[in-house]
């Protein structure tokens, strides 16, 4: 196992996969909210406070920064 930093391509692949997963999770949360006939405001609050979506956003921000740093080198 190597200790090398991931390549820009590997970082982008991870970002793309996480974005796809985030979109699916977001759509599931919205769909469930609509099934439960929650108000749009309540659905938006649920999304804002959803721990998994929040964590995905944090990881995406880190991956984007790492990718951008590598692109500048």
C-alpha atoms as a PDB file:
ATOM      1  CA  UNK A   1       0.000   0.000   0.000  1.00  0.00           C
ATOM      2  CA  UNK A   2       1.473   3.375  -0.975  1.00  0.00           C
ATOM      3  CA  UNK A   3       1.354   6.610   0.972  1.00  0.00           C
ATOM      4  CA  UNK A   4       1.133   8.724  -2.161  1.00  0.00           C
ATOM      5  CA  UNK A   5      -1.432  11.495  -2.328  1.00  0.00           C
ATOM      6  CA  UNK A   6      -4.362  10.717  -4.604  1.00  0.00           C
ATOM      7  CA  UNK A   7      -4.083  11.983  -8.158  1.00  0.00           C
ATOM      8  CA  UNK A   8      -6.295  14.766  -9.476  1.00  0.00           C
ATOM      9  CA  UNK A   9      -8.175  12.132 -11.474  1.00  0.00           C
ATOM     10  CA  UNK A  10      -8.770  10.012  -8.358  1.00  0.00           C
ATOM     11  CA  UNK A  11      -9.957  13.049  -6.438  1.00  0.00           C
ATOM     12  CA  UNK A  12     -12.318  14.020  -9.257  1.00  0.00           C
ATOM     13  CA  UNK A  13     -13.673  10.474  -9.415  1.00  0.00           C
ATOM     14  CA  UNK A  14     -14.387  10.557  -5.670  1.00  0.00           C
ATOM     15  CA  UNK A  15     -16.017  13.984  -5.999  1.00  0.00           C
ATOM     16  CA  UNK A  16     -18.221  12.776  -8.858  1.00  0.00           C
ATOM     17  CA  UNK A  17     -19.297   9.657  -6.954  1.00  0.00           C
ATOM     18  CA  UNK A  18     -20.080  11.665  -3.819  1.00  0.00           C
ATOM     19  CA  UNK A  19     -22.061  14.220  -5.823  1.00  0.00           C
ATOM     20  CA  UNK A  20     -24.120  11.417  -7.370  1.00  0.00           C
ATOM     21  CA  UNK A  21     -24.766   9.882  -3.953  1.00  0.00           C
ATOM     22  CA  UNK A  22     -25.604  13.295  -2.445  1.00  0.00           C
ATOM     23  CA  UNK A  23     -28.109  14.001  -5.223  1.00  0.00           C
ATOM     24  CA  UNK A  24     -29.791  10.629  -4.710  1.00  0.00           C
ATOM     25  CA  UNK A  25     -29.966  11.132  -0.929  1.00  0.00           C
ATOM     26  CA  UNK A  26     -31.285  14.681  -1.372  1.00  0.00           C
ATOM     27  CA  UNK A  27     -33.982  13.454  -3.764  1.00  0.00           C
ATOM     28  CA  UNK A  28     -34.933  10.662  -1.333  1.00  0.00           C
ATOM     29  CA  UNK A  29     -35.318  13.144   1.531  1.00  0.00           C
ATOM     30  CA  UNK A  30     -37.405  15.513  -0.612  1.00  0.00           C
ATOM     31  CA  UNK A  31     -39.502  12.625  -1.957  1.00  0.00           C
ATOM     32  CA  UNK A  32     -40.187  11.304   1.525  1.00  0.00           C
ATOM     33  CA  UNK A  33     -41.084  14.802   2.731  1.00  0.00           C
ATOM     34  CA  UNK A  34     -43.561  15.165  -0.117  1.00  0.00           C
ATOM     35  CA  UNK A  35     -45.058  11.737   0.606  1.00  0.00           C
ATOM     36  CA  UNK A  36     -45.521  12.821   4.202  1.00  0.00           C
ATOM     37  CA  UNK A  37     -47.050  16.059   2.902  1.00  0.00           C
ATOM     38  CA  UNK A  38     -44.577  18.236   4.750  1.00  0.00           C
ATOM     39  CA  UNK A  39     -44.429  21.904   3.868  1.00  0.00           C
ATOM     40  CA  UNK A  40     -41.610  23.046   1.590  1.00  0.00           C
ATOM     41  CA  UNK A  41     -40.203  25.007   4.526  1.00  0.00           C
ATOM     42  CA  UNK A  42     -40.113  21.848   6.689  1.00  0.00           C
ATOM     43  CA  UNK A  43     -38.485  19.846   3.881  1.00  0.00           C
ATOM     44  CA  UNK A  44     -35.812  22.541   3.460  1.00  0.00           C
ATOM     45  CA  UNK A  45     -35.173  22.562   7.230  1.00  0.00           C
ATOM     46  CA  UNK A  46     -34.848  18.772   7.214  1.00  0.00           C
ATOM     47  CA  UNK A  47     -32.328  18.941   4.365  1.00  0.00           C
ATOM     48  CA  UNK A  48     -30.363  21.717   6.079  1.00  0.00           C
ATOM     49  CA  UNK A  49     -30.124  19.692   9.308  1.00  0.00           C
ATOM     50  CA  UNK A  50     -29.641  16.253   7.731  1.00  0.00           C
ATOM     51  CA  UNK A  51     -26.410  14.903   9.278  1.00  0.00           C
ATOM     52  CA  UNK A  52     -25.387  12.767   6.303  1.00  0.00           C
ATOM     53  CA  UNK A  53     -25.946  15.548   3.767  1.00  0.00           C
ATOM     54  CA  UNK A  54     -23.997  17.929   6.003  1.00  0.00           C
ATOM     55  CA  UNK A  55     -21.100  15.478   6.265  1.00  0.00           C
ATOM     56  CA  UNK A  56     -21.077  14.868   2.502  1.00  0.00           C
ATOM     57  CA  UNK A  57     -20.902  18.629   1.914  1.00  0.00           C
ATOM     58  CA  UNK A  58     -17.924  18.885   4.294  1.00  0.00           C
ATOM     59  CA  UNK A  59     -16.106  16.037   2.566  1.00  0.00           C
ATOM     60  CA  UNK A  60     -16.831  17.505  -0.875  1.00  0.00           C
ATOM     61  CA  UNK A  61     -15.404  20.843   0.222  1.00  0.00           C
ATOM     62  CA  UNK A  62     -12.208  19.116   1.447  1.00  0.00           C
ATOM     63  CA  UNK A  63     -11.855  17.067  -1.735  1.00  0.00           C
ATOM     64  CA  UNK A  64     -12.393  20.136  -3.928  1.00  0.00           C
ATOM     65  CA  UNK A  65      -9.743  22.070  -2.000  1.00  0.00           C
ATOM     66  CA  UNK A  66      -7.301  19.168  -2.262  1.00  0.00           C
ATOM     67  CA  UNK A  67      -7.955  18.827  -6.002  1.00  0.00           C
ATOM     68  CA  UNK A  68      -7.580  22.582  -6.579  1.00  0.00           C
ATOM     69  CA  UNK A  69      -4.323  22.625  -4.608  1.00  0.00           C
ATOM     70  CA  UNK A  70      -2.933  19.818  -6.746  1.00  0.00           C
ATOM     71  CA  UNK A  71      -4.021  21.545  -9.946  1.00  0.00           C
ATOM     72  CA  UNK A  72      -2.017  24.644  -8.970  1.00  0.00           C
ATOM     73  CA  UNK A  73       1.203  22.642  -8.508  1.00  0.00           C
END
